[in-house]
């Protein structure tokens, strides 16, 4: 009886769930994420707009940490990029940053938290 490589089987199963149609997302980008919300028997799409603070890459478990400020209070949300609940992602604006994680933005408020725009 041949011995199967478990890691190879796991990767083959994961490939079918990976989404290919996302734009290239960088740290510091302002993005708009469409999330499928189910309320009772109705389904709708709610948008979450903010700045990408962090990105963790690990194939199907790739996550984005997105931060927005509502009424002076910072709200962060972590999105699983290949989740079926994510409907769409649109890059609104790119920023020029020199860090891979922008956690320092948590301490800043108002104009101090602005990032320089990058033109492609």
PDB file of N, CA and C in Angstrom:
ATOM      1  N   UNK A   1       0.852  -1.182   0.000  1.00  0.00           N
ATOM      2  CA  UNK A   1       0.000   0.000   0.000  1.00  0.00           C
ATOM      3  C   UNK A   1       0.895   1.241   0.000  1.00  0.00           C
ATOM      4  N   UNK A   2       0.683   2.189  -0.953  1.00  0.00           N
ATOM      5  CA  UNK A   2       1.541   3.371  -1.005  1.00  0.00           C
ATOM      6  C   UNK A   2       1.234   4.336   0.143  1.00  0.00           C
ATOM      7  N   UNK A   3       2.268   5.048   0.565  1.00  0.00           N
ATOM      8  CA  UNK A   3       2.139   6.013   1.645  1.00  0.00           C
ATOM      9  C   UNK A   3       1.806   7.382   1.040  1.00  0.00           C
ATOM     10  N   UNK A   4       0.749   8.052   1.531  1.00  0.00           N
ATOM     11  CA  UNK A   4       0.349   9.352   1.000  1.00  0.00           C
ATOM     12  C   UNK A   4       1.033  10.473   1.770  1.00  0.00           C
ATOM     13  N   UNK A   5       1.352  11.532   1.053  1.00  0.00           N
ATOM     14  CA  UNK A   5       1.926  12.716   1.672  1.00  0.00           C
ATOM     15  C   UNK A   5       0.766  13.615   2.132  1.00  0.00           C
ATOM     16  N   UNK A   6       0.553  13.682   3.430  1.00  0.00           N
ATOM     17  CA  UNK A   6      -0.587  14.433   3.979  1.00  0.00           C
ATOM     18  C   UNK A   6      -0.546  15.907   3.603  1.00  0.00           C
ATOM     19  N   UNK A   7       0.641  16.508   3.602  1.00  0.00           N
ATOM     20  CA  UNK A   7       0.758  17.931   3.279  1.00  0.00           C
ATOM     21  C   UNK A   7       0.307  18.189   1.841  1.00  0.00           C
ATOM     22  N   UNK A   8       0.640  17.299   0.930  1.00  0.00           N
ATOM     23  CA  UNK A   8       0.247  17.443  -0.476  1.00  0.00           C
ATOM     24  C   UNK A   8      -1.276  17.373  -0.610  1.00  0.00           C
ATOM     25  N   UNK A   9      -1.910  16.477   0.124  1.00  0.00           N
ATOM     26  CA  UNK A   9      -3.363  16.346   0.075  1.00  0.00           C
ATOM     27  C   UNK A   9      -4.029  17.618   0.608  1.00  0.00           C
ATOM     28  N   UNK A  10      -3.504  18.147   1.702  1.00  0.00           N
ATOM     29  CA  UNK A  10      -4.055  19.375   2.286  1.00  0.00           C
ATOM     30  C   UNK A  10      -3.931  20.533   1.313  1.00  0.00           C
ATOM     31  N   UNK A  11      -2.780  20.674   0.643  1.00  0.00           N
ATOM     32  CA  UNK A  11      -2.576  21.765  -0.311  1.00  0.00           C
ATOM     33  C   UNK A  11      -3.524  21.646  -1.499  1.00  0.00           C
ATOM     34  N   UNK A  12      -3.775  20.422  -1.965  1.00  0.00           N
ATOM     35  CA  UNK A  12      -4.692  20.226  -3.083  1.00  0.00           C
ATOM     36  C   UNK A  12      -6.118  20.614  -2.721  1.00  0.00           C
ATOM     37  N   UNK A  13      -6.540  20.307  -1.510  1.00  0.00           N
ATOM     38  CA  UNK A  13      -7.881  20.677  -1.054  1.00  0.00           C
ATOM     39  C   UNK A  13      -7.983  22.195  -0.909  1.00  0.00           C
ATOM     40  N   UNK A  14      -6.933  22.826  -0.375  1.00  0.00           N
ATOM     41  CA  UNK A  14      -6.946  24.273  -0.170  1.00  0.00           C
ATOM     42  C   UNK A  14      -6.960  25.043  -1.480  1.00  0.00           C
ATOM     43  N   UNK A  15      -6.333  24.523  -2.517  1.00  0.00           N
ATOM     44  CA  UNK A  15      -6.271  25.222  -3.801  1.00  0.00           C
ATOM     45  C   UNK A  15      -7.650  25.504  -4.366  1.00  0.00           C
ATOM     46  N   UNK A  16      -8.597  24.614  -4.133  1.00  0.00           N
ATOM     47  CA  UNK A  16      -9.936  24.814  -4.677  1.00  0.00           C
ATOM     48  C   UNK A  16     -10.668  25.970  -3.983  1.00  0.00           C
ATOM     49  N   UNK A  17     -10.237  26.352  -2.778  1.00  0.00           N
ATOM     50  CA  UNK A  17     -10.887  27.434  -2.036  1.00  0.00           C
ATOM     51  C   UNK A  17     -10.196  28.783  -2.193  1.00  0.00           C
ATOM     52  N   UNK A  18      -9.006  28.817  -2.780  1.00  0.00           N
ATOM     53  CA  UNK A  18      -8.282  30.079  -2.958  1.00  0.00           C
ATOM     54  C   UNK A  18      -8.979  30.946  -4.000  1.00  0.00           C
ATOM     55  N   UNK A  19      -9.087  32.245  -3.709  1.00  0.00           N
ATOM     56  CA  UNK A  19      -9.688  33.186  -4.651  1.00  0.00           C
ATOM     57  C   UNK A  19      -8.569  33.867  -5.435  1.00  0.00           C
ATOM     58  N   UNK A  20      -8.765  34.021  -6.725  1.00  0.00           N
ATOM     59  CA  UNK A  20      -7.725  34.567  -7.597  1.00  0.00           C
ATOM     60  C   UNK A  20      -8.010  35.997  -8.052  1.00  0.00           C
ATOM     61  N   UNK A  21      -9.221  36.483  -7.862  1.00  0.00           N
ATOM     62  CA  UNK A  21      -9.635  37.734  -8.495  1.00  0.00           C
ATOM     63  C   UNK A  21      -9.461  38.978  -7.624  1.00  0.00           C
ATOM     64  N   UNK A  22      -8.546  38.955  -6.661  1.00  0.00           N
ATOM     65  CA  UNK A  22      -8.345  40.131  -5.827  1.00  0.00           C
ATOM     66  C   UNK A  22      -7.268  41.044  -6.407  1.00  0.00           C
ATOM     67  N   UNK A  23      -7.385  42.364  -6.191  1.00  0.00           N
ATOM     68  CA  UNK A  23      -6.322  43.264  -6.626  1.00  0.00           C
ATOM     69  C   UNK A  23      -5.099  43.103  -5.724  1.00  0.00           C
ATOM     70  N   UNK A  24      -3.973  43.626  -6.155  1.00  0.00           N
ATOM     71  CA  UNK A  24      -2.756  43.558  -5.349  1.00  0.00           C
ATOM     72  C   UNK A  24      -2.908  44.541  -4.187  1.00  0.00           C
ATOM     73  N   UNK A  25      -2.889  44.022  -2.977  1.00  0.00           N
ATOM     74  CA  UNK A  25      -3.104  44.837  -1.783  1.00  0.00           C
ATOM     75  C   UNK A  25      -1.779  44.998  -1.055  1.00  0.00           C
ATOM     76  N   UNK A  26      -1.408  46.240  -0.790  1.00  0.00           N
ATOM     77  CA  UNK A  26      -0.174  46.559  -0.085  1.00  0.00           C
ATOM     78  C   UNK A  26      -0.508  47.167   1.272  1.00  0.00           C
ATOM     79  N   UNK A  27       0.491  47.200   2.148  1.00  0.00           N
ATOM     80  CA  UNK A  27       0.334  47.845   3.452  1.00  0.00           C
ATOM     81  C   UNK A  27       0.174  49.349   3.225  1.00  0.00           C
ATOM     82  N   UNK A  28      -0.764  49.969   3.928  1.00  0.00           N
ATOM     83  CA  UNK A  28      -0.991  51.398   3.803  1.00  0.00           C
ATOM     84  C   UNK A  28      -2.067  51.756   2.790  1.00  0.00           C
ATOM     85  N   UNK A  29      -2.584  50.788   2.055  1.00  0.00           N
ATOM     86  CA  UNK A  29      -3.649  51.056   1.090  1.00  0.00           C
ATOM     87  C   UNK A  29      -4.955  51.346   1.810  1.00  0.00           C
ATOM     88  N   UNK A  30      -5.752  52.237   1.234  1.00  0.00           N
ATOM     89  CA  UNK A  30      -7.125  52.431   1.686  1.00  0.00           C
ATOM     90  C   UNK A  30      -7.976  51.488   0.857  1.00  0.00           C
ATOM     91  N   UNK A  31      -8.682  50.586   1.507  1.00  0.00           N
ATOM     92  CA  UNK A  31      -9.461  49.605   0.764  1.00  0.00           C
ATOM     93  C   UNK A  31     -10.915  49.625   1.223  1.00  0.00           C
ATOM     94  N   UNK A  32     -11.763  49.097   0.360  1.00  0.00           N
ATOM     95  CA  UNK A  32     -13.193  48.958   0.659  1.00  0.00           C
ATOM     96  C   UNK A  32     -13.517  47.480   0.514  1.00  0.00           C
ATOM     97  N   UNK A  33     -13.898  46.851   1.628  1.00  0.00           N
ATOM     98  CA  UNK A  33     -14.170  45.421   1.655  1.00  0.00           C
ATOM     99  C   UNK A  33     -15.677  45.216   1.736  1.00  0.00           C
ATOM    100  N   UNK A  34     -16.215  44.428   0.816  1.00  0.00           N
ATOM    101  CA  UNK A  34     -17.639  44.079   0.835  1.00  0.00           C
ATOM    102  C   UNK A  34     -17.822  42.756   1.552  1.00  0.00           C
ATOM    103  N   UNK A  35     -18.585  42.763   2.640  1.00  0.00           N
ATOM    104  CA  UNK A  35     -18.784  41.573   3.462  1.00  0.00           C
ATOM    105  C   UNK A  35     -20.238  41.135   3.342  1.00  0.00           C
ATOM    106  N   UNK A  36     -20.457  39.849   3.148  1.00  0.00           N
ATOM    107  CA  UNK A  36     -21.816  39.316   3.079  1.00  0.00           C
ATOM    108  C   UNK A  36     -22.352  39.174   4.497  1.00  0.00           C
ATOM    109  N   UNK A  37     -23.487  39.813   4.754  1.00  0.00           N
ATOM    110  CA  UNK A  37     -24.142  39.761   6.055  1.00  0.00           C
ATOM    111  C   UNK A  37     -25.468  39.029   5.869  1.00  0.00           C
ATOM    112  N   UNK A  38     -25.744  38.039   6.715  1.00  0.00           N
ATOM    113  CA  UNK A  38     -27.002  37.302   6.643  1.00  0.00           C
ATOM    114  C   UNK A  38     -27.845  37.681   7.860  1.00  0.00           C
ATOM    115  N   UNK A  39     -29.005  38.261   7.586  1.00  0.00           N
ATOM    116  CA  UNK A  39     -29.940  38.645   8.644  1.00  0.00           C
ATOM    117  C   UNK A  39     -31.244  37.899   8.413  1.00  0.00           C
ATOM    118  N   UNK A  40     -31.523  36.925   9.238  1.00  0.00           N
ATOM    119  CA  UNK A  40     -32.715  36.100   9.039  1.00  0.00           C
ATOM    120  C   UNK A  40     -32.554  35.278   7.775  1.00  0.00           C
ATOM    121  N   UNK A  41     -33.448  35.497   6.812  1.00  0.00           N
ATOM    122  CA  UNK A  41     -33.324  34.792   5.539  1.00  0.00           C
ATOM    123  C   UNK A  41     -32.870  35.709   4.414  1.00  0.00           C
ATOM    124  N   UNK A  42     -32.461  36.935   4.753  1.00  0.00           N
ATOM    125  CA  UNK A  42     -31.985  37.898   3.760  1.00  0.00           C
ATOM    126  C   UNK A  42     -30.467  37.979   3.802  1.00  0.00           C
ATOM    127  N   UNK A  43     -29.885  38.228   2.656  1.00  0.00           N
ATOM    128  CA  UNK A  43     -28.438  38.412   2.567  1.00  0.00           C
ATOM    129  C   UNK A  43     -28.157  39.765   1.929  1.00  0.00           C
ATOM    130  N   UNK A  44     -27.233  40.518   2.507  1.00  0.00           N
ATOM    131  CA  UNK A  44     -26.864  41.814   1.944  1.00  0.00           C
ATOM    132  C   UNK A  44     -25.359  41.977   2.039  1.00  0.00           C
ATOM    133  N   UNK A  45     -24.851  43.011   1.382  1.00  0.00           N
ATOM    134  CA  UNK A  45     -23.411  43.284   1.402  1.00  0.00           C
ATOM    135  C   UNK A  45     -23.192  44.585   2.153  1.00  0.00           C
ATOM    136  N   UNK A  46     -22.340  44.528   3.173  1.00  0.00           N
ATOM    137  CA  UNK A  46     -21.981  45.713   3.944  1.00  0.00           C
ATOM    138  C   UNK A  46     -20.525  46.025   3.668  1.00  0.00           C
ATOM    139  N   UNK A  47     -20.220  47.296   3.431  1.00  0.00           N
ATOM    140  CA  UNK A  47     -18.862  47.698   3.096  1.00  0.00           C
ATOM    141  C   UNK A  47     -18.132  48.214   4.329  1.00  0.00           C
ATOM    142  N   UNK A  48     -16.859  47.872   4.413  1.00  0.00           N
ATOM    143  CA  UNK A  48     -15.980  48.314   5.498  1.00  0.00           C
ATOM    144  C   UNK A  48     -14.787  48.978   4.829  1.00  0.00           C
ATOM    145  N   UNK A  49     -14.589  50.266   5.104  1.00  0.00           N
ATOM    146  CA  UNK A  49     -13.549  51.025   4.426  1.00  0.00           C
ATOM    147  C   UNK A  49     -12.509  51.477   5.448  1.00  0.00           C
ATOM    148  N   UNK A  50     -11.232  51.237   5.148  1.00  0.00           N
ATOM    149  CA  UNK A  50     -10.186  51.642   6.065  1.00  0.00           C
ATOM    150  C   UNK A  50      -8.801  51.419   5.496  1.00  0.00           C
ATOM    151  N   UNK A  51      -7.808  51.617   6.355  1.00  0.00           N
ATOM    152  CA  UNK A  51      -6.402  51.496   5.983  1.00  0.00           C
ATOM    153  C   UNK A  51      -5.874  50.127   6.390  1.00  0.00           C
ATOM    154  N   UNK A  52      -5.097  49.509   5.506  1.00  0.00           N
ATOM    155  CA  UNK A  52      -4.502  48.210   5.796  1.00  0.00           C
ATOM    156  C   UNK A  52      -3.295  48.428   6.706  1.00  0.00           C
ATOM    157  N   UNK A  53      -3.367  47.925   7.945  1.00  0.00           N
ATOM    158  CA  UNK A  53      -2.260  48.048   8.889  1.00  0.00           C
ATOM    159  C   UNK A  53      -1.281  46.900   8.767  1.00  0.00           C
ATOM    160  N   UNK A  54      -1.802  45.712   8.513  1.00  0.00           N
ATOM    161  CA  UNK A  54      -0.945  44.524   8.499  1.00  0.00           C
ATOM    162  C   UNK A  54      -1.510  43.500   7.537  1.00  0.00           C
ATOM    163  N   UNK A  55      -0.615  42.651   7.057  1.00  0.00           N
ATOM    164  CA  UNK A  55      -0.996  41.552   6.169  1.00  0.00           C
ATOM    165  C   UNK A  55      -0.169  40.345   6.564  1.00  0.00           C
ATOM    166  N   UNK A  56      -0.843  39.234   6.766  1.00  0.00           N
ATOM    167  CA  UNK A  56      -0.144  37.995   7.087  1.00  0.00           C
ATOM    168  C   UNK A  56      -0.417  37.010   5.967  1.00  0.00           C
ATOM    169  N   UNK A  57       0.641  36.524   5.336  1.00  0.00           N
ATOM    170  CA  UNK A  57       0.510  35.625   4.198  1.00  0.00           C
ATOM    171  C   UNK A  57       0.775  34.194   4.621  1.00  0.00           C
ATOM    172  N   UNK A  58      -0.197  33.340   4.408  1.00  0.00           N
ATOM    173  CA  UNK A  58       0.019  31.907   4.584  1.00  0.00           C
ATOM    174  C   UNK A  58      -1.057  31.167   3.808  1.00  0.00           C
ATOM    175  N   UNK A  59      -0.961  31.229   2.502  1.00  0.00           N
ATOM    176  CA  UNK A  59      -1.852  30.590   1.532  1.00  0.00           C
ATOM    177  C   UNK A  59      -3.319  30.857   1.854  1.00  0.00           C
ATOM    178  N   UNK A  60      -4.062  29.875   2.295  1.00  0.00           N
ATOM    179  CA  UNK A  60      -5.504  30.058   2.510  1.00  0.00           C
ATOM    180  C   UNK A  60      -5.802  30.861   3.777  1.00  0.00           C
ATOM    181  N   UNK A  61      -4.857  30.961   4.684  1.00  0.00           N
ATOM    182  CA  UNK A  61      -5.056  31.689   5.942  1.00  0.00           C
ATOM    183  C   UNK A  61      -4.546  33.127   5.885  1.00  0.00           C
ATOM    184  N   UNK A  62      -4.441  33.706   4.713  1.00  0.00           N
ATOM    185  CA  UNK A  62      -3.987  35.087   4.567  1.00  0.00           C
ATOM    186  C   UNK A  62      -4.990  36.039   5.213  1.00  0.00           C
ATOM    187  N   UNK A  63      -4.487  36.939   6.068  1.00  0.00           N
ATOM    188  CA  UNK A  63      -5.373  37.884   6.747  1.00  0.00           C
ATOM    189  C   UNK A  63      -4.940  39.313   6.502  1.00  0.00           C
ATOM    190  N   UNK A  64      -5.909  40.220   6.563  1.00  0.00           N
ATOM    191  CA  UNK A  64      -5.672  41.661   6.472  1.00  0.00           C
ATOM    192  C   UNK A  64      -6.220  42.309   7.731  1.00  0.00           C
ATOM    193  N   UNK A  65      -5.439  43.186   8.339  1.00  0.00           N
ATOM    194  CA  UNK A  65      -5.924  43.983   9.458  1.00  0.00           C
ATOM    195  C   UNK A  65      -6.249  45.366   8.915  1.00  0.00           C
ATOM    196  N   UNK A  66      -7.515  45.757   9.001  1.00  0.00           N
ATOM    197  CA  UNK A  66      -7.979  47.020   8.435  1.00  0.00           C
ATOM    198  C   UNK A  66      -8.480  47.904   9.570  1.00  0.00           C
ATOM    199  N   UNK A  67      -8.072  49.177   9.548  1.00  0.00           N
ATOM    200  CA  UNK A  67      -8.426  50.123  10.611  1.00  0.00           C
ATOM    201  C   UNK A  67      -9.165  51.318  10.026  1.00  0.00           C
ATOM    202  N   UNK A  68     -10.239  51.702  10.707  1.00  0.00           N
ATOM    203  CA  UNK A  68     -10.930  52.944  10.358  1.00  0.00           C
ATOM    204  C   UNK A  68     -11.255  53.685  11.644  1.00  0.00           C
ATOM    205  N   UNK A  69     -11.503  54.972  11.531  1.00  0.00           N
ATOM    206  CA  UNK A  69     -11.808  55.787  12.700  1.00  0.00           C
ATOM    207  C   UNK A  69     -13.250  56.265  12.586  1.00  0.00           C
ATOM    208  N   UNK A  70     -14.057  55.938  13.604  1.00  0.00           N
ATOM    209  CA  UNK A  70     -15.456  56.354  13.664  1.00  0.00           C
ATOM    210  C   UNK A  70     -15.662  57.229  14.891  1.00  0.00           C
ATOM    211  N   UNK A  71     -16.043  58.456  14.688  1.00  0.00           N
ATOM    212  CA  UNK A  71     -16.300  59.404  15.784  1.00  0.00           C
ATOM    213  C   UNK A  71     -15.127  59.482  16.755  1.00  0.00           C
ATOM    214  N   UNK A  72     -13.907  59.490  16.218  1.00  0.00           N
ATOM    215  CA  UNK A  72     -12.718  59.611  17.051  1.00  0.00           C
ATOM    216  C   UNK A  72     -12.269  58.323  17.715  1.00  0.00           C
ATOM    217  N   UNK A  73     -12.945  57.230  17.450  1.00  0.00           N
ATOM    218  CA  UNK A  73     -12.576  55.941  18.038  1.00  0.00           C
ATOM    219  C   UNK A  73     -12.080  55.032  16.921  1.00  0.00           C
ATOM    220  N   UNK A  74     -10.891  54.481  17.094  1.00  0.00           N
ATOM    221  CA  UNK A  74     -10.326  53.579  16.096  1.00  0.00           C
ATOM    222  C   UNK A  74     -10.950  52.198  16.188  1.00  0.00           C
ATOM    223  N   UNK A  75     -11.356  51.657  15.042  1.00  0.00           N
ATOM    224  CA  UNK A  75     -11.952  50.328  14.981  1.00  0.00           C
ATOM    225  C   UNK A  75     -11.117  49.493  14.019  1.00  0.00           C
ATOM    226  N   UNK A  76     -10.626  48.359  14.500  1.00  0.00           N
ATOM    227  CA  UNK A  76      -9.836  47.466  13.656  1.00  0.00           C
ATOM    228  C   UNK A  76     -10.594  46.164  13.459  1.00  0.00           C
ATOM    229  N   UNK A  77     -10.437  45.613  12.271  1.00  0.00           N
ATOM    230  CA  UNK A  77     -11.080  44.347  11.962  1.00  0.00           C
ATOM    231  C   UNK A  77     -10.118  43.501  11.153  1.00  0.00           C
ATOM    232  N   UNK A  78     -10.069  42.228  11.454  1.00  0.00           N
ATOM    233  CA  UNK A  78      -9.193  41.301  10.746  1.00  0.00           C
ATOM    234  C   UNK A  78     -10.050  40.477   9.792  1.00  0.00           C
ATOM    235  N   UNK A  79      -9.678  40.502   8.515  1.00  0.00           N
ATOM    236  CA  UNK A  79     -10.421  39.781   7.490  1.00  0.00           C
ATOM    237  C   UNK A  79      -9.607  38.598   6.999  1.00  0.00           C
ATOM    238  N   UNK A  80     -10.253  37.459   6.897  1.00  0.00           N
ATOM    239  CA  UNK A  80      -9.661  36.289   6.268  1.00  0.00           C
ATOM    240  C   UNK A  80      -9.881  36.464   4.764  1.00  0.00           C
ATOM    241  N   UNK A  81      -8.804  36.656   4.013  1.00  0.00           N
ATOM    242  CA  UNK A  81      -8.887  37.076   2.620  1.00  0.00           C
ATOM    243  C   UNK A  81      -9.651  36.100   1.728  1.00  0.00           C
ATOM    244  N   UNK A  82      -9.503  34.807   1.946  1.00  0.00           N
ATOM    245  CA  UNK A  82     -10.132  33.812   1.081  1.00  0.00           C
ATOM    246  C   UNK A  82     -11.452  33.278   1.646  1.00  0.00           C
ATOM    247  N   UNK A  83     -12.023  34.003   2.600  1.00  0.00           N
ATOM    248  CA  UNK A  83     -13.283  33.592   3.209  1.00  0.00           C
ATOM    249  C   UNK A  83     -14.437  33.735   2.215  1.00  0.00           C
ATOM    250  N   UNK A  84     -15.408  32.836   2.250  1.00  0.00           N
ATOM    251  CA  UNK A  84     -16.573  32.992   1.380  1.00  0.00           C
ATOM    252  C   UNK A  84     -17.447  34.190   1.766  1.00  0.00           C
ATOM    253  N   UNK A  85     -17.262  34.733   2.965  1.00  0.00           N
ATOM    254  CA  UNK A  85     -18.038  35.907   3.390  1.00  0.00           C
ATOM    255  C   UNK A  85     -17.534  37.197   2.742  1.00  0.00           C
ATOM    256  N   UNK A  86     -16.303  37.201   2.228  1.00  0.00           N
ATOM    257  CA  UNK A  86     -15.765  38.380   1.549  1.00  0.00           C
ATOM    258  C   UNK A  86     -16.291  38.379   0.125  1.00  0.00           C
ATOM    259  N   UNK A  87     -17.043  39.425  -0.230  1.00  0.00           N
ATOM    260  CA  UNK A  87     -17.623  39.505  -1.565  1.00  0.00           C
ATOM    261  C   UNK A  87     -16.686  40.215  -2.533  1.00  0.00           C
ATOM    262  N   UNK A  88     -16.136  41.356  -2.107  1.00  0.00           N
ATOM    263  CA  UNK A  88     -15.273  42.127  -3.002  1.00  0.00           C
ATOM    264  C   UNK A  88     -14.273  42.938  -2.191  1.00  0.00           C
ATOM    265  N   UNK A  89     -13.168  43.256  -2.840  1.00  0.00           N
ATOM    266  CA  UNK A  89     -12.170  44.150  -2.255  1.00  0.00           C
ATOM    267  C   UNK A  89     -11.750  45.127  -3.345  1.00  0.00           C
ATOM    268  N   UNK A  90     -11.786  46.413  -3.015  1.00  0.00           N
ATOM    269  CA  UNK A  90     -11.413  47.438  -3.978  1.00  0.00           C
ATOM    270  C   UNK A  90     -10.382  48.355  -3.339  1.00  0.00           C
ATOM    271  N   UNK A  91      -9.268  48.597  -4.030  1.00  0.00           N
ATOM    272  CA  UNK A  91      -8.233  49.512  -3.535  1.00  0.00           C
ATOM    273  C   UNK A  91      -8.634  50.918  -3.956  1.00  0.00           C
ATOM    274  N   UNK A  92      -8.857  51.788  -2.972  1.00  0.00           N
ATOM    275  CA  UNK A  92      -9.277  53.158  -3.252  1.00  0.00           C
ATOM    276  C   UNK A  92      -8.073  54.080  -3.441  1.00  0.00           C
ATOM    277  N   UNK A  93      -7.024  53.841  -2.647  1.00  0.00           N
ATOM    278  CA  UNK A  93      -5.876  54.737  -2.670  1.00  0.00           C
ATOM    279  C   UNK A  93      -4.677  54.007  -2.105  1.00  0.00           C
ATOM    280  N   UNK A  94      -3.510  54.231  -2.669  1.00  0.00           N
ATOM    281  CA  UNK A  94      -2.289  53.608  -2.177  1.00  0.00           C
ATOM    282  C   UNK A  94      -1.444  54.649  -1.456  1.00  0.00           C
ATOM    283  N   UNK A  95      -0.746  54.220  -0.421  1.00  0.00           N
ATOM    284  CA  UNK A  95       0.094  55.130   0.356  1.00  0.00           C
ATOM    285  C   UNK A  95       1.532  54.642   0.356  1.00  0.00           C
ATOM    286  N   UNK A  96       2.433  55.607   0.496  1.00  0.00           N
ATOM    287  CA  UNK A  96       3.858  55.319   0.519  1.00  0.00           C
ATOM    288  C   UNK A  96       4.270  55.089   1.971  1.00  0.00           C
ATOM    289  N   UNK A  97       4.669  53.872   2.296  1.00  0.00           N
ATOM    290  CA  UNK A  97       5.063  53.541   3.668  1.00  0.00           C
ATOM    291  C   UNK A  97       6.395  52.812   3.652  1.00  0.00           C
ATOM    292  N   UNK A  98       7.069  52.828   4.797  1.00  0.00           N
ATOM    293  CA  UNK A  98       8.368  52.177   4.909  1.00  0.00           C
ATOM    294  C   UNK A  98       8.374  51.101   5.974  1.00  0.00           C
ATOM    295  N   UNK A  99       7.210  50.663   6.375  1.00  0.00           N
ATOM    296  CA  UNK A  99       7.077  49.629   7.397  1.00  0.00           C
ATOM    297  C   UNK A  99       6.198  48.511   6.859  1.00  0.00           C
ATOM    298  N   UNK A 100       6.353  47.327   7.410  1.00  0.00           N
ATOM    299  CA  UNK A 100       5.487  46.227   7.008  1.00  0.00           C
ATOM    300  C   UNK A 100       4.260  46.115   7.911  1.00  0.00           C
ATOM    301  N   UNK A 101       4.315  46.721   9.085  1.00  0.00           N
ATOM    302  CA  UNK A 101       3.175  46.774   9.994  1.00  0.00           C
ATOM    303  C   UNK A 101       3.032  48.226  10.461  1.00  0.00           C
ATOM    304  N   UNK A 102       1.840  48.770  10.350  1.00  0.00           N
ATOM    305  CA  UNK A 102       1.612  50.178  10.676  1.00  0.00           C
ATOM    306  C   UNK A 102       0.918  50.347  12.022  1.00  0.00           C
ATOM    307  N   UNK A 103       1.339  49.572  13.016  1.00  0.00           N
ATOM    308  CA  UNK A 103       0.697  49.630  14.323  1.00  0.00           C
ATOM    309  C   UNK A 103       0.891  50.981  15.015  1.00  0.00           C
ATOM    310  N   UNK A 104       1.881  51.770  14.586  1.00  0.00           N
ATOM    311  CA  UNK A 104       2.102  53.074  15.199  1.00  0.00           C
ATOM    312  C   UNK A 104       0.947  54.039  14.919  1.00  0.00           C
ATOM    313  N   UNK A 105       0.126  53.746  13.910  1.00  0.00           N
ATOM    314  CA  UNK A 105      -1.020  54.608  13.612  1.00  0.00           C
ATOM    315  C   UNK A 105      -2.066  54.573  14.721  1.00  0.00           C
ATOM    316  N   UNK A 106      -2.027  53.543  15.562  1.00  0.00           N
ATOM    317  CA  UNK A 106      -2.982  53.436  16.666  1.00  0.00           C
ATOM    318  C   UNK A 106      -2.826  54.583  17.652  1.00  0.00           C
ATOM    319  N   UNK A 107      -1.592  55.076  17.824  1.00  0.00           N
ATOM    320  CA  UNK A 107      -1.336  56.145  18.795  1.00  0.00           C
ATOM    321  C   UNK A 107      -1.610  57.533  18.222  1.00  0.00           C
ATOM    322  N   UNK A 108      -1.678  57.650  16.899  1.00  0.00           N
ATOM    323  CA  UNK A 108      -1.844  58.953  16.264  1.00  0.00           C
ATOM    324  C   UNK A 108      -3.311  59.252  16.021  1.00  0.00           C
ATOM    325  N   UNK A 109      -3.642  60.558  16.004  1.00  0.00           N
ATOM    326  CA  UNK A 109      -5.010  60.938  15.681  1.00  0.00           C
ATOM    327  C   UNK A 109      -5.022  62.196  14.830  1.00  0.00           C
ATOM    328  N   UNK A 110      -6.105  62.382  14.119  1.00  0.00           N
ATOM    329  CA  UNK A 110      -6.267  63.566  13.286  1.00  0.00           C
ATOM    330  C   UNK A 110      -5.312  63.594  12.109  1.00  0.00           C
ATOM    331  N   UNK A 111      -4.770  64.778  11.848  1.00  0.00           N
ATOM    332  CA  UNK A 111      -3.888  64.951  10.689  1.00  0.00           C
ATOM    333  C   UNK A 111      -2.581  64.188  10.824  1.00  0.00           C
ATOM    334  N   UNK A 112      -2.188  63.883  12.045  1.00  0.00           N
ATOM    335  CA  UNK A 112      -0.928  63.163  12.261  1.00  0.00           C
ATOM    336  C   UNK A 112      -0.983  61.744  11.700  1.00  0.00           C
ATOM    337  N   UNK A 113      -2.174  61.210  11.558  1.00  0.00           N
ATOM    338  CA  UNK A 113      -2.293  59.826  11.096  1.00  0.00           C
ATOM    339  C   UNK A 113      -2.390  59.713   9.574  1.00  0.00           C
ATOM    340  N   UNK A 114      -2.213  60.826   8.868  1.00  0.00           N
ATOM    341  CA  UNK A 114      -2.274  60.772   7.405  1.00  0.00           C
ATOM    342  C   UNK A 114      -1.029  60.098   6.836  1.00  0.00           C
ATOM    343  N   UNK A 115      -1.193  59.441   5.705  1.00  0.00           N
ATOM    344  CA  UNK A 115      -0.083  58.795   4.997  1.00  0.00           C
ATOM    345  C   UNK A 115       0.074  59.465   3.646  1.00  0.00           C
ATOM    346  N   UNK A 116       1.320  59.544   3.164  1.00  0.00           N
ATOM    347  CA  UNK A 116       1.565  60.155   1.845  1.00  0.00           C
ATOM    348  C   UNK A 116       1.038  59.254   0.748  1.00  0.00           C
ATOM    349  N   UNK A 117       0.379  59.854  -0.227  1.00  0.00           N
ATOM    350  CA  UNK A 117      -0.202  59.070  -1.314  1.00  0.00           C
ATOM    351  C   UNK A 117       0.873  58.622  -2.297  1.00  0.00           C
ATOM    352  N   UNK A 118       0.708  57.384  -2.791  1.00  0.00           N
ATOM    353  CA  UNK A 118       1.623  56.854  -3.796  1.00  0.00           C
ATOM    354  C   UNK A 118       0.867  56.785  -5.112  1.00  0.00           C
ATOM    355  N   UNK A 119       1.463  57.352  -6.152  1.00  0.00           N
ATOM    356  CA  UNK A 119       0.852  57.321  -7.473  1.00  0.00           C
ATOM    357  C   UNK A 119       1.520  56.263  -8.295  1.00  0.00           C
ATOM    358  N   UNK A 120       0.748  55.336  -8.824  1.00  0.00           N
ATOM    359  CA  UNK A 120       1.326  54.233  -9.581  1.00  0.00           C
ATOM    360  C   UNK A 120       1.518  54.598 -11.028  1.00  0.00           C
TER     361      UNK A 120
END
